[in-house]
Amino acid sequence: MRMSFSPFMLVLAVCGALAGCVAVGPDFKAPRTAAPGDWTSARSGDASLHDASLAAGQAAPSSAWWKAFGDPVLDWLQEQAAKANPDLATAALRFAESRAQRHTTAAQRGPEVGFAASAQRQRPSEYGSTSRTIDVLAPAERRDELVKLLSQPFDVYEGGFDASWEPDFWGRVRRAVEAADARVDAAGAMVDGVSLDVTADVARRYFELRGLQRQVVLTRADIDAATEHFRLMKARADGGMASDLDATRQQALLADLESQLPALLDSEAATTDQLSLLLGLSPGSLDAQLAVRDGEVQARRLPDLALGIPSDVARRRPDIREAEARLHAATAEIGVAVAALYPRITLGGSFAFESLQSGDFGDWGSRRWSIGPRLDLPVFDMGRRRSVVTLRKLEQQEAAVAYQATVLQAWTDIDTALNAYAAERQRNAKLAQRERLSKDAYALADARYSHGDLSYIDALDAQRSLLAAQRDRAASDAQLAVRYVAICKAIGGGT
């Protein structure tokens, strides 16, 4: 017995020693991502848009970057979106799927053991293969008798287990697990990317809504003031103290203001619906939470930009991390394809009891077993395996190009966002100056008109200029906050 088992034990020992030695295919090396030394380098556009204060060495933004605004309503919206956003829930499920797939792939590294048992009653055919054997071996005069005898029904009891294990000589399973791990990383980066998109969309929609609500409040206040002014003008015209033309012009201004309100209200409702959708809620669910309260219609000072170090962008941007993980998976898949070109050895064994009588089942004499290796050697397949290797190499090259394109897109997004923010900030400063000057001009024109030193048309023009300046400033304040959010999204959120 020792002599019969020694060759197999030798094969088993050699297989175990070699199983972890070789892994064919290229090893993955993380690509180096070039990054400028500071945020003013590698920029396009006019130099006035390049803020010198955005230098390297600034602290990186927080992972909850929206908290820098200090708005409790925005904080609450972000918490609810993280719990109930449908896109985020879908991404989390895909991440769980990738982990389950990784477990399935890794299970190939271990042995596979199965147990089976059966109890059957059988009847051989009188005209099947058994009759052929009888024709060859039995005398002709006893043929019919033996056929009848051997075709009688009988019972068969069987139970036992099979075990097999394939040593991973060429690293096929190791490369497959490596690719599965990379896909898990890609799915995790995708979750972070969806989370960043959701938080940025919630913040953007929220600031757009506050800007619209501010314009609604300003427009209604302007309508009230214009209505009162029209009443006074109408009374003066009826008393002969002013011309009907002045009253008509004031009424036209009032109608113009009233015509702008429905469009603003429609935009406000649509933006609220978009916020509800981001939170996985039905329309109207956020009306109470987003209602205008004291102080919320006033523009708030934006927090200072905290961009961190440019080289950290590749670590923070989820799309770059996802592209790198996909490149890693594509590289590992080359090893899986190359390993398929080599022989596969499977070590297997089985042990079972088999008996025609239930009373003999389990008796040591009813045992049967087999053990030994199996070799599968690919010889000819019309080049299919080598075509798969070529295909995997092309997919790896495609993933490498996709990675470079993702990195390039990241710096383009950052440059675009920084330029847009700088331009809007300059525009906002000029609009604020315009609003202050328009207030002074309107106050002066109204006083001179009251004393009869200025025509009404000049006072009306001053009023119109002030109303336009206030609405433009309100829209710019909201747009400036949206531009700030775009920068936070472009740099990958926070750490």
Protein backbone atom coordinates (compact mmCIF):
# COMPACT_ATOMS: atom_id res chain seq x y z
CA MET A 1 0.00 0.00 0.00
CA ARG A 2 2.85 2.41 0.77
CA MET A 3 4.47 1.72 -2.59
CA SER A 4 1.22 2.36 -4.48
CA PHE A 5 0.67 5.70 -2.78
CA SER A 6 4.20 7.06 -2.93
CA PRO A 7 4.09 8.29 -6.57
CA PHE A 8 0.88 10.19 -5.92
CA MET A 9 2.22 11.67 -2.70
CA LEU A 10 5.28 12.80 -4.61
CA VAL A 11 3.12 14.45 -7.27
CA LEU A 12 1.06 16.12 -4.54
CA ALA A 13 4.15 17.48 -2.83
CA VAL A 14 5.56 18.85 -6.08
CA CYS A 15 2.24 20.45 -6.98
CA GLY A 16 1.98 22.10 -3.60
CA ALA A 17 5.51 23.45 -3.89
CA LEU A 18 5.02 24.85 -7.38
CA ALA A 19 1.47 26.17 -7.03
CA GLY A 20 2.54 29.52 -5.65
CA CYS A 21 5.76 30.05 -7.56
CA VAL A 22 4.71 31.42 -10.95
CA ALA A 23 2.19 33.99 -12.11
CA VAL A 24 2.33 34.58 -15.84
CA GLY A 25 1.33 37.85 -17.41
CA PRO A 26 2.50 41.42 -16.68
CA ASP A 27 2.57 42.80 -13.15
CA PHE A 28 0.57 45.98 -12.65
CA LYS A 29 2.42 49.22 -11.97
CA ALA A 30 0.36 52.22 -10.99
CA PRO A 31 0.72 54.93 -13.64
CA ARG A 32 2.39 58.14 -12.60
CA THR A 33 0.09 61.12 -12.75
CA ALA A 34 1.72 64.43 -13.55
CA ALA A 35 0.40 67.38 -11.56
CA PRO A 36 1.33 71.08 -11.51
CA GLY A 37 3.18 72.41 -8.50
CA ASP A 38 0.43 74.90 -7.60
CA TRP A 39 -3.06 75.93 -8.66
CA THR A 40 -1.85 78.85 -10.79
CA SER A 41 0.18 76.62 -13.11
CA ALA A 42 -1.16 74.86 -16.20
CA ARG A 43 -4.04 77.29 -16.49
CA SER A 44 -5.73 78.77 -19.53
CA GLY A 45 -7.43 82.10 -20.05
CA ASP A 46 -6.52 85.62 -19.04
CA ALA A 47 -4.13 86.09 -16.15
CA SER A 48 -6.77 88.09 -14.26
CA LEU A 49 -8.66 84.83 -13.69
CA HIS A 50 -5.69 83.16 -11.99
CA ASP A 51 -5.92 83.83 -8.28
CA ALA A 52 -2.43 83.93 -6.80
CA SER A 53 -3.81 83.08 -3.34
CA LEU A 54 -4.52 79.51 -4.51
CA ALA A 55 -0.97 78.37 -3.85
CA ALA A 56 0.27 74.94 -2.92
CA GLY A 57 0.32 74.03 0.74
CA GLN A 58 -3.24 75.00 1.62
CA ALA A 59 -5.16 72.62 3.83
CA ALA A 60 -7.22 70.05 1.98
CA PRO A 61 -11.01 70.42 2.18
CA SER A 62 -12.98 68.29 4.59
CA SER A 63 -14.81 65.22 3.34
CA ALA A 64 -18.01 67.03 4.39
CA TRP A 65 -16.99 70.10 2.41
CA TRP A 66 -20.52 71.54 2.33
CA LYS A 67 -20.40 72.12 6.11
CA ALA A 68 -18.07 75.06 5.47
CA PHE A 69 -21.16 77.02 4.36
CA GLY A 70 -22.57 76.79 7.88
CA ASP A 71 -26.11 76.18 6.65
CA PRO A 72 -28.09 73.69 8.81
CA VAL A 73 -30.72 73.19 6.09
CA LEU A 74 -28.06 72.21 3.57
CA ASP A 75 -26.49 69.86 6.14
CA TRP A 76 -29.87 68.18 6.69
CA LEU A 77 -30.46 67.79 2.97
CA GLN A 78 -27.07 66.14 2.53
CA GLU A 79 -27.76 63.69 5.37
CA GLN A 80 -31.09 62.70 3.86
CA ALA A 81 -29.61 62.32 0.37
CA ALA A 82 -26.88 60.02 1.72
CA LYS A 83 -29.59 57.78 3.18
CA ALA A 84 -32.19 57.73 0.42
CA ASN A 85 -30.72 58.78 -2.94
CA PRO A 86 -31.62 56.08 -5.51
CA ASP A 87 -28.40 56.43 -7.53
CA LEU A 88 -26.29 56.08 -4.40
CA ALA A 89 -28.26 52.99 -3.34
CA THR A 90 -27.70 51.46 -6.79
CA ALA A 91 -23.96 52.14 -6.61
CA ALA A 92 -23.80 50.52 -3.16
CA LEU A 93 -25.52 47.41 -4.51
CA ARG A 94 -23.04 47.20 -7.38
CA PHE A 95 -20.21 47.42 -4.87
CA ALA A 96 -21.74 44.53 -2.92
CA GLU A 97 -22.07 42.57 -6.17
CA SER A 98 -18.38 43.07 -6.94
CA ARG A 99 -17.42 41.80 -3.50
CA ALA A 100 -19.59 38.72 -3.95
CA GLN A 101 -18.00 38.11 -7.34
CA ARG A 102 -14.56 38.43 -5.79
CA HIS A 103 -15.46 35.77 -3.22
CA THR A 104 -16.66 33.49 -6.03
CA THR A 105 -13.37 33.92 -7.87
CA ALA A 106 -11.21 33.41 -4.78
CA ALA A 107 -13.04 30.16 -3.99
CA GLN A 108 -11.21 28.56 -6.94
CA ARG A 109 -8.01 28.51 -4.90
CA GLY A 110 -9.26 25.79 -2.55
CA PRO A 111 -10.34 22.19 -3.06
CA GLU A 112 -13.86 21.29 -4.06
CA VAL A 113 -15.57 18.52 -2.11
CA GLY A 114 -19.00 17.06 -2.82
CA PHE A 115 -21.10 14.32 -1.29
CA ALA A 116 -23.69 12.26 -3.13
CA ALA A 117 -25.95 9.36 -2.17
CA SER A 118 -28.55 7.41 -4.08
CA ALA A 119 -30.82 4.41 -3.77
CA GLN A 120 -32.16 3.13 -7.10
CA ARG A 121 -34.05 0.19 -8.50
CA GLN A 122 -32.95 -0.67 -12.02
CA ARG A 123 -33.94 -3.04 -14.82
CA PRO A 124 -31.51 -3.59 -17.70
CA SER A 125 -32.89 -3.87 -21.22
CA GLU A 126 -33.14 -7.33 -22.69
CA TYR A 127 -31.98 -5.91 -26.03
CA GLY A 128 -29.31 -3.52 -24.78
CA SER A 129 -25.55 -3.87 -24.40
CA THR A 130 -26.01 -6.72 -21.94
CA SER A 131 -27.43 -8.96 -24.69
CA ARG A 132 -24.39 -8.23 -26.85
CA THR A 133 -22.09 -9.43 -24.08
CA ILE A 134 -24.14 -12.61 -23.63
CA ASP A 135 -24.00 -13.31 -27.37
CA VAL A 136 -20.21 -13.24 -27.25
CA LEU A 137 -19.56 -15.09 -23.98
CA ALA A 138 -22.54 -17.41 -23.29
CA PRO A 139 -23.47 -20.64 -25.11
CA ALA A 140 -26.27 -20.20 -27.60
CA GLU A 141 -28.56 -22.71 -25.86
CA ARG A 142 -28.45 -20.69 -22.61
CA ARG A 143 -28.71 -17.23 -24.17
CA ASP A 144 -32.42 -16.65 -23.57
CA GLU A 145 -32.18 -17.95 -20.04
CA LEU A 146 -29.27 -15.62 -19.20
CA VAL A 147 -30.95 -12.65 -20.83
CA LYS A 148 -34.08 -13.18 -18.74
CA LEU A 149 -32.00 -13.58 -15.62
CA LEU A 150 -29.79 -10.53 -16.13
CA SER A 151 -32.71 -8.29 -17.05
CA GLN A 152 -34.44 -8.83 -13.71
CA PRO A 153 -34.89 -5.61 -11.62
CA PHE A 154 -32.39 -5.06 -8.81
CA ASP A 155 -31.52 -2.44 -6.17
CA VAL A 156 -28.33 -0.36 -6.01
CA TYR A 157 -27.28 1.61 -2.94
CA GLU A 158 -24.45 4.11 -3.29
CA GLY A 159 -23.02 6.93 -1.19
CA GLY A 160 -19.71 8.73 -1.00
CA PHE A 161 -17.75 11.91 -1.77
CA ASP A 162 -15.58 13.37 -4.51
CA ALA A 163 -12.76 15.86 -4.01
CA SER A 164 -10.67 17.78 -6.52
CA TRP A 165 -8.08 20.53 -6.40
CA GLU A 166 -6.28 22.32 -9.21
CA PRO A 167 -2.84 23.66 -8.22
CA ASP A 168 -2.46 27.20 -9.50
CA PHE A 169 0.79 26.53 -11.37
CA TRP A 170 0.70 29.51 -13.72
CA GLY A 171 -1.14 31.98 -11.50
CA ARG A 172 -4.44 31.79 -13.38
CA VAL A 173 -6.49 31.96 -10.20
CA ARG A 174 -4.17 34.49 -8.56
CA ARG A 175 -4.49 36.80 -11.55
CA ALA A 176 -8.27 36.30 -11.57
CA VAL A 177 -8.43 37.22 -7.86
CA GLU A 178 -6.18 40.20 -8.55
CA ALA A 179 -8.57 41.36 -11.28
CA ALA A 180 -11.55 40.80 -8.97
CA ASP A 181 -9.87 42.86 -6.23
CA ALA A 182 -9.29 45.66 -8.73
CA ARG A 183 -12.95 45.55 -9.75
CA VAL A 184 -13.93 45.85 -6.10
CA ASP A 185 -11.71 48.94 -5.88
CA ALA A 186 -13.33 50.31 -9.05
CA ALA A 187 -16.80 49.72 -7.63
CA GLY A 188 -15.79 51.44 -4.39
CA ALA A 189 -14.47 54.43 -6.35
CA MET A 190 -17.72 54.47 -8.31
CA VAL A 191 -19.66 54.69 -5.03
CA ASP A 192 -17.49 57.64 -4.01
CA GLY A 193 -18.05 59.21 -7.41
CA VAL A 194 -21.82 58.89 -7.20
CA SER A 195 -21.70 60.25 -3.64
CA LEU A 196 -19.69 63.26 -4.84
CA ASP A 197 -22.14 63.84 -7.70
CA VAL A 198 -25.10 63.65 -5.34
CA THR A 199 -23.63 65.99 -2.72
CA ALA A 200 -22.62 68.48 -5.41
CA ASP A 201 -26.05 68.31 -7.08
CA VAL A 202 -27.82 68.79 -3.74
CA ALA A 203 -25.66 71.82 -2.91
CA ARG A 204 -26.05 73.27 -6.41
CA ARG A 205 -29.82 72.87 -6.46
CA TYR A 206 -30.07 74.26 -2.94
CA PHE A 207 -28.15 77.44 -3.78
CA GLU A 208 -30.10 77.84 -7.01
CA LEU A 209 -33.31 77.55 -4.99
CA ARG A 210 -32.18 80.10 -2.42
CA GLY A 211 -31.23 82.46 -5.24
CA LEU A 212 -34.66 82.06 -6.84
CA GLN A 213 -36.39 82.54 -3.51
CA ARG A 214 -34.39 85.71 -2.96
CA GLN A 215 -35.43 87.00 -6.36
CA VAL A 216 -39.06 86.14 -5.58
CA VAL A 217 -38.87 88.09 -2.32
CA LEU A 218 -37.22 91.04 -4.06
CA THR A 219 -39.73 90.97 -6.92
CA ARG A 220 -42.70 90.89 -4.54
CA ALA A 221 -41.23 93.75 -2.53
CA ASP A 222 -40.71 95.68 -5.76
CA ILE A 223 -44.30 94.92 -6.82
CA ASP A 224 -45.61 96.23 -3.48
CA ALA A 225 -43.50 99.38 -3.76
CA ALA A 226 -44.49 99.92 -7.40
CA THR A 227 -48.15 99.36 -6.54
CA GLU A 228 -48.02 101.97 -3.79
CA HIS A 229 -46.15 104.34 -6.06
CA PHE A 230 -48.79 103.86 -8.76
CA ARG A 231 -51.58 104.65 -6.32
CA LEU A 232 -49.89 107.88 -5.32
CA MET A 233 -49.19 108.75 -8.94
CA LYS A 234 -52.81 108.00 -9.89
CA ALA A 235 -54.06 110.18 -7.06
CA ARG A 236 -51.80 113.02 -8.13
CA ALA A 237 -52.92 112.68 -11.73
CA ASP A 238 -56.58 112.67 -10.68
CA GLY A 239 -55.93 115.84 -8.63
CA GLY A 240 -54.24 117.56 -11.53
CA MET A 241 -50.84 117.58 -9.83
CA ALA A 242 -49.25 115.19 -12.36
CA SER A 243 -49.88 114.07 -15.90
CA ASP A 244 -51.73 110.91 -16.82
CA LEU A 245 -48.64 109.89 -18.78
CA ASP A 246 -46.63 109.54 -15.57
CA ALA A 247 -49.31 107.33 -14.02
CA THR A 248 -49.47 105.19 -17.18
CA ARG A 249 -45.70 104.72 -17.17
CA GLN A 250 -45.77 103.67 -13.52
CA GLN A 251 -48.57 101.20 -14.29
CA ALA A 252 -46.49 99.75 -17.14
CA LEU A 253 -43.57 99.27 -14.75
CA LEU A 254 -45.90 97.50 -12.31
CA ALA A 255 -47.19 95.18 -15.05
CA ASP A 256 -43.62 94.37 -16.10
CA LEU A 257 -42.69 93.38 -12.54
CA GLU A 258 -45.84 91.28 -12.14
CA SER A 259 -45.10 89.45 -15.40
CA GLN A 260 -41.71 88.31 -14.06
CA LEU A 261 -43.09 86.67 -10.91
CA PRO A 262 -44.80 83.58 -12.47
CA ALA A 263 -41.59 82.51 -14.24
CA LEU A 264 -39.64 82.83 -10.99
CA LEU A 265 -42.23 80.81 -9.09
CA ASP A 266 -42.16 78.11 -11.76
CA SER A 267 -38.35 77.88 -11.56
CA GLU A 268 -38.56 77.74 -7.78
CA ALA A 269 -41.02 74.83 -7.90
CA ALA A 270 -38.97 72.95 -10.50
CA THR A 271 -35.77 73.32 -8.47
CA THR A 272 -37.58 72.10 -5.34
CA ASP A 273 -38.76 69.05 -7.27
CA GLN A 274 -35.18 68.33 -8.34
CA LEU A 275 -34.06 68.46 -4.72
CA SER A 276 -36.88 66.10 -3.74
CA LEU A 277 -35.80 63.69 -6.46
CA LEU A 278 -32.20 63.73 -5.21
CA LEU A 279 -33.48 62.80 -1.76
CA GLY A 280 -35.75 60.07 -3.09
CA LEU A 281 -38.89 61.97 -2.11
CA SER A 282 -42.09 62.80 -3.92
CA PRO A 283 -42.90 66.38 -5.03
CA GLY A 284 -44.00 68.63 -2.19
CA SER A 285 -42.20 66.65 0.51
CA LEU A 286 -39.64 69.39 1.14
CA ASP A 287 -41.92 72.43 1.11
CA ALA A 288 -41.80 72.86 4.89
CA GLN A 289 -38.03 72.37 5.16
CA LEU A 290 -37.23 74.72 2.28
CA ALA A 291 -39.67 77.48 3.15
CA VAL A 292 -38.07 80.93 3.32
CA ARG A 293 -37.19 81.99 6.85
CA ASP A 294 -35.76 85.20 8.25
CA GLY A 295 -32.26 85.83 7.00
CA GLU A 296 -32.26 83.07 4.38
CA VAL A 297 -33.01 85.43 1.53
CA GLN A 298 -29.90 87.44 2.28
CA ALA A 299 -26.66 86.59 0.52
CA ARG A 300 -24.13 84.84 2.73
CA ARG A 301 -20.40 85.16 2.54
CA LEU A 302 -18.86 82.13 0.90
CA PRO A 303 -16.20 80.17 2.78
CA ASP A 304 -12.60 80.46 1.69
CA LEU A 305 -11.48 77.95 -0.88
CA ALA A 306 -9.47 75.05 0.55
CA LEU A 307 -7.99 73.11 -2.36
CA GLY A 308 -5.09 71.27 -0.79
CA ILE A 309 -2.12 70.20 -2.91
CA PRO A 310 -2.63 69.64 -6.66
CA SER A 311 -0.90 66.25 -6.56
CA ASP A 312 -3.60 64.99 -4.19
CA VAL A 313 -6.28 65.38 -6.86
CA ALA A 314 -5.52 61.93 -8.30
CA ARG A 315 -6.13 60.45 -4.86
CA ARG A 316 -9.33 62.42 -4.23
CA ARG A 317 -11.00 62.27 -7.64
CA PRO A 318 -13.15 59.09 -7.68
CA ASP A 319 -13.14 58.86 -11.48
CA ILE A 320 -9.32 58.76 -11.55
CA ARG A 321 -9.22 56.06 -8.89
CA GLU A 322 -11.87 54.09 -10.77
CA ALA A 323 -9.97 54.39 -14.06
CA GLU A 324 -6.76 53.21 -12.38
CA ALA A 325 -8.57 50.23 -10.83
CA ARG A 326 -10.02 49.27 -14.21
CA LEU A 327 -6.54 49.48 -15.73
CA HIS A 328 -5.30 47.18 -12.95
CA ALA A 329 -8.11 44.68 -13.64
CA ALA A 330 -7.39 44.72 -17.39
CA THR A 331 -3.68 44.08 -16.73
CA ALA A 332 -4.45 41.13 -14.45
CA GLU A 333 -6.83 39.66 -17.05
CA ILE A 334 -3.88 39.33 -19.43
CA GLY A 335 -2.32 36.90 -16.94
CA VAL A 336 -5.54 34.88 -16.81
CA ALA A 337 -5.56 34.57 -20.59
CA VAL A 338 -1.85 33.67 -20.79
CA ALA A 339 -2.28 30.97 -18.11
CA ALA A 340 -4.92 29.31 -20.31
CA LEU A 341 -2.12 28.50 -22.80
CA TYR A 342 -0.41 26.22 -20.30
CA PRO A 343 -1.33 22.72 -19.10
CA ARG A 344 -3.77 22.30 -16.21
CA ILE A 345 -3.31 19.55 -13.65
CA THR A 346 -6.18 18.57 -11.38
CA LEU A 347 -5.71 16.34 -8.37
CA GLY A 348 -8.81 14.34 -7.63
CA GLY A 349 -10.08 11.48 -5.56
CA SER A 350 -13.31 9.76 -4.67
CA PHE A 351 -14.50 7.30 -2.05
CA ALA A 352 -17.88 5.60 -1.92
CA PHE A 353 -19.80 2.56 -0.73
CA GLU A 354 -21.76 0.59 -3.32
CA SER A 355 -23.98 -2.40 -2.67
CA LEU A 356 -26.86 -4.29 -4.22
CA GLN A 357 -28.24 -5.16 -0.77
CA SER A 358 -29.18 -2.56 1.81
CA GLY A 359 -27.78 -4.73 4.55
CA ASP A 360 -24.34 -4.76 2.94
CA PHE A 361 -24.25 -0.99 2.36
CA GLY A 362 -21.54 0.54 4.53
CA ASP A 363 -19.68 -2.70 4.92
CA TRP A 364 -15.96 -2.20 4.35
CA GLY A 365 -16.04 -4.66 1.54
CA SER A 366 -18.51 -2.51 -0.41
CA ARG A 367 -16.05 0.36 -0.67
CA ARG A 368 -14.67 1.70 -3.92
CA TRP A 369 -12.20 4.53 -4.38
CA SER A 370 -10.03 6.29 -6.93
CA ILE A 371 -7.23 8.84 -6.64
CA GLY A 372 -4.80 10.46 -9.00
CA PRO A 373 -3.94 13.50 -11.12
CA ARG A 374 -5.51 14.57 -14.39
CA LEU A 375 -3.66 16.51 -17.08
CA ASP A 376 -5.39 18.84 -19.55
CA LEU A 377 -3.00 19.97 -22.28
CA PRO A 378 -4.22 22.43 -24.94
CA VAL A 379 -2.95 21.24 -28.31
CA PHE A 380 -5.04 22.81 -31.07
CA ASP A 381 -7.95 25.23 -30.87
CA MET A 382 -7.64 27.24 -34.11
CA GLY A 383 -5.81 30.02 -32.22
CA ARG A 384 -8.72 30.77 -29.89
CA ARG A 385 -6.63 31.03 -26.71
CA ARG A 386 -4.01 33.24 -28.30
CA SER A 387 -6.74 35.47 -29.71
CA VAL A 388 -8.04 35.89 -26.17
CA VAL A 389 -4.55 36.98 -25.06
CA THR A 390 -4.45 39.54 -27.88
CA LEU A 391 -7.93 40.74 -26.93
CA ARG A 392 -6.94 41.19 -23.27
CA LYS A 393 -3.86 43.17 -24.27
CA LEU A 394 -5.96 45.47 -26.43
CA GLU A 395 -8.42 45.94 -23.56
CA GLN A 396 -5.51 46.83 -21.30
CA GLN A 397 -4.31 49.43 -23.79
CA GLU A 398 -7.84 50.80 -24.02
CA ALA A 399 -8.00 51.07 -20.21
CA ALA A 400 -4.66 52.89 -20.22
CA VAL A 401 -5.95 55.42 -22.75
CA ALA A 402 -9.14 55.83 -20.70
CA TYR A 403 -7.04 56.52 -17.62
CA GLN A 404 -5.02 59.23 -19.37
CA ALA A 405 -8.22 60.76 -20.74
CA THR A 406 -9.75 60.77 -17.25
CA VAL A 407 -6.72 62.56 -15.80
CA LEU A 408 -6.78 65.11 -18.61
CA GLN A 409 -10.50 65.65 -18.10
CA ALA A 410 -9.90 66.19 -14.38
CA TRP A 411 -7.46 69.05 -14.91
CA THR A 412 -9.72 70.53 -17.57
CA ASP A 413 -12.64 70.45 -15.13
CA ILE A 414 -10.53 72.12 -12.45
CA ASP A 415 -9.28 74.86 -14.75
CA THR A 416 -12.80 75.52 -16.07
CA ALA A 417 -14.26 75.63 -12.56
CA LEU A 418 -11.55 77.95 -11.20
CA ASN A 419 -11.87 80.33 -14.15
CA ALA A 420 -15.67 80.40 -13.87
CA TYR A 421 -15.48 81.09 -10.12
CA ALA A 422 -12.91 83.87 -10.54
CA ALA A 423 -14.92 85.49 -13.33
CA GLU A 424 -18.17 85.31 -11.36
CA ARG A 425 -16.51 86.70 -8.25
CA GLN A 426 -15.23 89.69 -10.21
CA ARG A 427 -18.65 90.13 -11.79
CA ASN A 428 -20.34 89.86 -8.39
CA ALA A 429 -18.12 92.58 -6.95
CA LYS A 430 -19.06 94.94 -9.79
CA LEU A 431 -22.76 94.09 -9.42
CA ALA A 432 -22.56 94.87 -5.71
CA GLN A 433 -21.01 98.23 -6.55
CA ARG A 434 -23.70 98.82 -9.16
CA GLU A 435 -26.43 98.06 -6.62
CA ARG A 436 -24.99 100.53 -4.08
CA LEU A 437 -24.70 103.26 -6.68
CA SER A 438 -28.21 102.53 -8.00
CA LYS A 439 -29.64 102.88 -4.50
CA ASP A 440 -27.93 106.23 -4.07
CA ALA A 441 -29.07 107.38 -7.53
CA TYR A 442 -32.66 106.34 -6.92
CA ALA A 443 -32.79 108.03 -3.50
CA LEU A 444 -31.45 111.23 -5.02
CA ALA A 445 -33.79 111.08 -8.02
CA ASP A 446 -36.82 110.39 -5.85
CA ALA A 447 -35.99 113.33 -3.58
CA ARG A 448 -35.47 115.70 -6.51
CA TYR A 449 -38.68 114.51 -8.16
CA SER A 450 -40.62 115.13 -4.93
CA HIS A 451 -39.35 118.71 -4.92
CA GLY A 452 -40.17 119.18 -8.57
CA ASP A 453 -36.53 119.43 -9.65
CA LEU A 454 -36.61 116.28 -11.82
CA SER A 455 -39.02 114.82 -14.33
CA TYR A 456 -40.85 111.65 -13.49
CA ILE A 457 -39.31 109.77 -16.42
CA ASP A 458 -35.86 110.32 -14.91
CA ALA A 459 -37.04 109.11 -11.49
CA LEU A 460 -38.67 106.06 -13.13
CA ASP A 461 -35.44 105.20 -14.94
CA ALA A 462 -33.56 105.38 -11.65
CA GLN A 463 -36.08 103.04 -10.06
CA ARG A 464 -35.86 100.56 -12.91
CA SER A 465 -32.06 100.61 -12.71
CA LEU A 466 -32.19 99.82 -8.99
CA LEU A 467 -34.64 96.93 -9.45
CA ALA A 468 -32.51 95.44 -12.23
CA ALA A 469 -29.34 95.81 -10.15
CA GLN A 470 -30.92 94.06 -7.16
CA ARG A 471 -32.15 91.11 -9.21
CA ASP A 472 -28.85 90.76 -11.08
CA ARG A 473 -26.96 90.82 -7.77
CA ALA A 474 -29.24 88.15 -6.31
CA ALA A 475 -28.75 85.92 -9.35
CA SER A 476 -24.99 86.44 -9.22
CA ASP A 477 -24.83 85.57 -5.50
CA ALA A 478 -26.52 82.24 -6.21
CA GLN A 479 -24.34 81.62 -9.26
CA LEU A 480 -21.20 82.35 -7.23
CA ALA A 481 -22.17 79.67 -4.70
CA VAL A 482 -22.86 77.25 -7.57
CA ARG A 483 -19.40 77.99 -9.02
CA TYR A 484 -17.88 77.27 -5.62
CA VAL A 485 -19.64 73.91 -5.54
CA ALA A 486 -18.30 73.14 -9.03
CA ILE A 487 -14.74 73.65 -7.77
CA CYS A 488 -15.32 71.31 -4.82
CA LYS A 489 -16.62 68.67 -7.22
CA ALA A 490 -13.78 69.20 -9.71
CA ILE A 491 -11.06 68.61 -7.09
CA GLY A 492 -12.80 65.44 -5.88
CA GLY A 493 -14.50 66.71 -2.75
CA GLY A 494 -12.41 66.40 0.38
CA THR A 495 -10.30 63.96 2.30
